[in-house]
Amino acid sequence: MNKIVDLPSSGEHWIKLKGDQGWKNSKDNTIWKKDKLHGDHWDVSDKTGKKIKEIDFYGKQIWPYGKKNKNKRP
């Protein structure tokens, strides 16, 4: 489950959004934004804006099903 993923700006499929809006992954149409409250991970949303996962800065998934929230479902 803790598969390491490629991070924003690590390939041609990443598109920088204006201002502080984050990055768009054109491979899977997800939006990556740095978490404003904690500042220690990326919040990943689908194209409708629904948060689907959290990824730490090393590329490991921490939510859902990660070390952060072991008993919670998305």
C-alpha atoms as a PDB file:
ATOM      1  CA  MET A   1       0.000   0.000   0.000  1.00  0.00           C
ATOM      2  CA  ASN A   2       2.829   2.436   0.709  1.00  0.00           C
ATOM      3  CA  LYS A   3       3.978   2.554  -2.890  1.00  0.00           C
ATOM      4  CA  ILE A   4       6.304   5.458  -3.612  1.00  0.00           C
ATOM      5  CA  VAL A   5       4.908   7.813  -6.259  1.00  0.00           C
ATOM      6  CA  ASP A   6       6.542  10.477  -8.393  1.00  0.00           C
ATOM      7  CA  LEU A   7       6.271  13.932  -6.869  1.00  0.00           C
ATOM      8  CA  PRO A   8       5.329  17.258  -8.469  1.00  0.00           C
ATOM      9  CA  SER A   9       7.869  18.710 -10.894  1.00  0.00           C
ATOM     10  CA  SER A  10       9.550  15.308 -11.368  1.00  0.00           C
ATOM     11  CA  GLY A  11       8.439  14.780 -14.965  1.00  0.00           C
ATOM     12  CA  GLU A  12       6.873  16.244 -18.085  1.00  0.00           C
ATOM     13  CA  HIS A  13       3.331  15.317 -17.041  1.00  0.00           C
ATOM     14  CA  TRP A  14       3.346  17.870 -14.174  1.00  0.00           C
ATOM     15  CA  ILE A  15       1.798  21.287 -14.830  1.00  0.00           C
ATOM     16  CA  LYS A  16       2.417  24.158 -12.385  1.00  0.00           C
ATOM     17  CA  LEU A  17      -0.814  26.006 -11.614  1.00  0.00           C
ATOM     18  CA  LYS A  18      -0.963  29.785 -11.170  1.00  0.00           C
ATOM     19  CA  GLY A  19       0.006  31.325  -7.850  1.00  0.00           C
ATOM     20  CA  ASP A  20      -0.202  28.982  -4.891  1.00  0.00           C
ATOM     21  CA  GLN A  21      -2.723  26.568  -6.413  1.00  0.00           C
ATOM     22  CA  GLY A  22      -0.342  23.616  -6.607  1.00  0.00           C
ATOM     23  CA  TRP A  23       0.432  21.155  -9.402  1.00  0.00           C
ATOM     24  CA  LYS A  24      -1.686  19.170 -11.854  1.00  0.00           C
ATOM     25  CA  ASN A  25      -0.742  15.632 -12.835  1.00  0.00           C
ATOM     26  CA  SER A  26      -1.894  15.255 -16.435  1.00  0.00           C
ATOM     27  CA  LYS A  27      -1.466  11.453 -16.329  1.00  0.00           C
ATOM     28  CA  ASP A  28      -4.319  10.875 -13.883  1.00  0.00           C
ATOM     29  CA  ASN A  29      -5.984  14.335 -13.694  1.00  0.00           C
ATOM     30  CA  THR A  30      -5.200  14.927 -10.032  1.00  0.00           C
ATOM     31  CA  ILE A  31      -4.371  18.216  -8.299  1.00  0.00           C
ATOM     32  CA  TRP A  32      -1.567  18.257  -5.727  1.00  0.00           C
ATOM     33  CA  LYS A  33      -1.454  21.021  -3.102  1.00  0.00           C
ATOM     34  CA  LYS A  34       0.818  21.407  -0.104  1.00  0.00           C
ATOM     35  CA  ASP A  35      -1.135  21.063   3.115  1.00  0.00           C
ATOM     36  CA  LYS A  36      -1.579  24.579   4.541  1.00  0.00           C
ATOM     37  CA  LEU A  37      -2.419  23.552   8.108  1.00  0.00           C
ATOM     38  CA  HIS A  38       0.380  21.105   8.861  1.00  0.00           C
ATOM     39  CA  GLY A  39       2.773  21.786   5.987  1.00  0.00           C
ATOM     40  CA  ASP A  40       4.188  18.274   6.045  1.00  0.00           C
ATOM     41  CA  HIS A  41       2.472  16.553   3.101  1.00  0.00           C
ATOM     42  CA  TRP A  42       0.632  16.921  -0.217  1.00  0.00           C
ATOM     43  CA  ASP A  43      -3.169  16.840  -0.405  1.00  0.00           C
ATOM     44  CA  VAL A  44      -4.209  15.081  -3.610  1.00  0.00           C
ATOM     45  CA  SER A  45      -7.657  15.801  -5.092  1.00  0.00           C
ATOM     46  CA  ASP A  46      -9.521  14.412  -8.080  1.00  0.00           C
ATOM     47  CA  LYS A  47     -10.826  16.631 -10.879  1.00  0.00           C
ATOM     48  CA  THR A  48     -14.012  17.429  -8.917  1.00  0.00           C
ATOM     49  CA  GLY A  49     -11.998  18.712  -5.928  1.00  0.00           C
ATOM     50  CA  LYS A  50     -12.641  15.750  -3.615  1.00  0.00           C
ATOM     51  CA  LYS A  51      -9.578  14.829  -1.538  1.00  0.00           C
ATOM     52  CA  ILE A  52      -8.538  11.288  -2.380  1.00  0.00           C
ATOM     53  CA  LYS A  53      -5.215  10.851  -0.577  1.00  0.00           C
ATOM     54  CA  GLU A  54      -2.296  12.434   1.259  1.00  0.00           C
ATOM     55  CA  ILE A  55       1.307  11.874   0.210  1.00  0.00           C
ATOM     56  CA  ASP A  56       4.347  12.810   2.308  1.00  0.00           C
ATOM     57  CA  PHE A  57       7.271  14.709   0.781  1.00  0.00           C
ATOM     58  CA  TYR A  58       9.150  11.430   0.239  1.00  0.00           C
ATOM     59  CA  GLY A  59       6.406   9.999  -1.979  1.00  0.00           C
ATOM     60  CA  LYS A  60       4.733   7.610   0.476  1.00  0.00           C
ATOM     61  CA  GLN A  61       0.954   7.559   0.894  1.00  0.00           C
ATOM     62  CA  ILE A  62      -0.041   8.450   4.460  1.00  0.00           C
ATOM     63  CA  TRP A  63      -3.828   8.681   4.102  1.00  0.00           C
ATOM     64  CA  PRO A  64      -6.040   6.689   3.652  1.00  0.00           C
ATOM     65  CA  TYR A  65      -4.736   3.320   4.796  1.00  0.00           C
ATOM     66  CA  GLY A  66      -1.382   4.717   5.879  1.00  0.00           C
ATOM     67  CA  LYS A  67       0.359   5.230   9.198  1.00  0.00           C
ATOM     68  CA  LYS A  68      -1.504   8.474   9.907  1.00  0.00           C
ATOM     69  CA  ASN A  69      -5.078   7.171  10.150  1.00  0.00           C
ATOM     70  CA  LYS A  70      -5.026   3.405  10.517  1.00  0.00           C
ATOM     71  CA  ASN A  71      -8.713   3.012  11.383  1.00  0.00           C
ATOM     72  CA  LYS A  72     -10.339   5.710   9.230  1.00  0.00           C
ATOM     73  CA  ARG A  73     -11.797   5.336   5.771  1.00  0.00           C
ATOM     74  CA  PRO A  74     -11.780   8.130   3.145  1.00  0.00           C
END
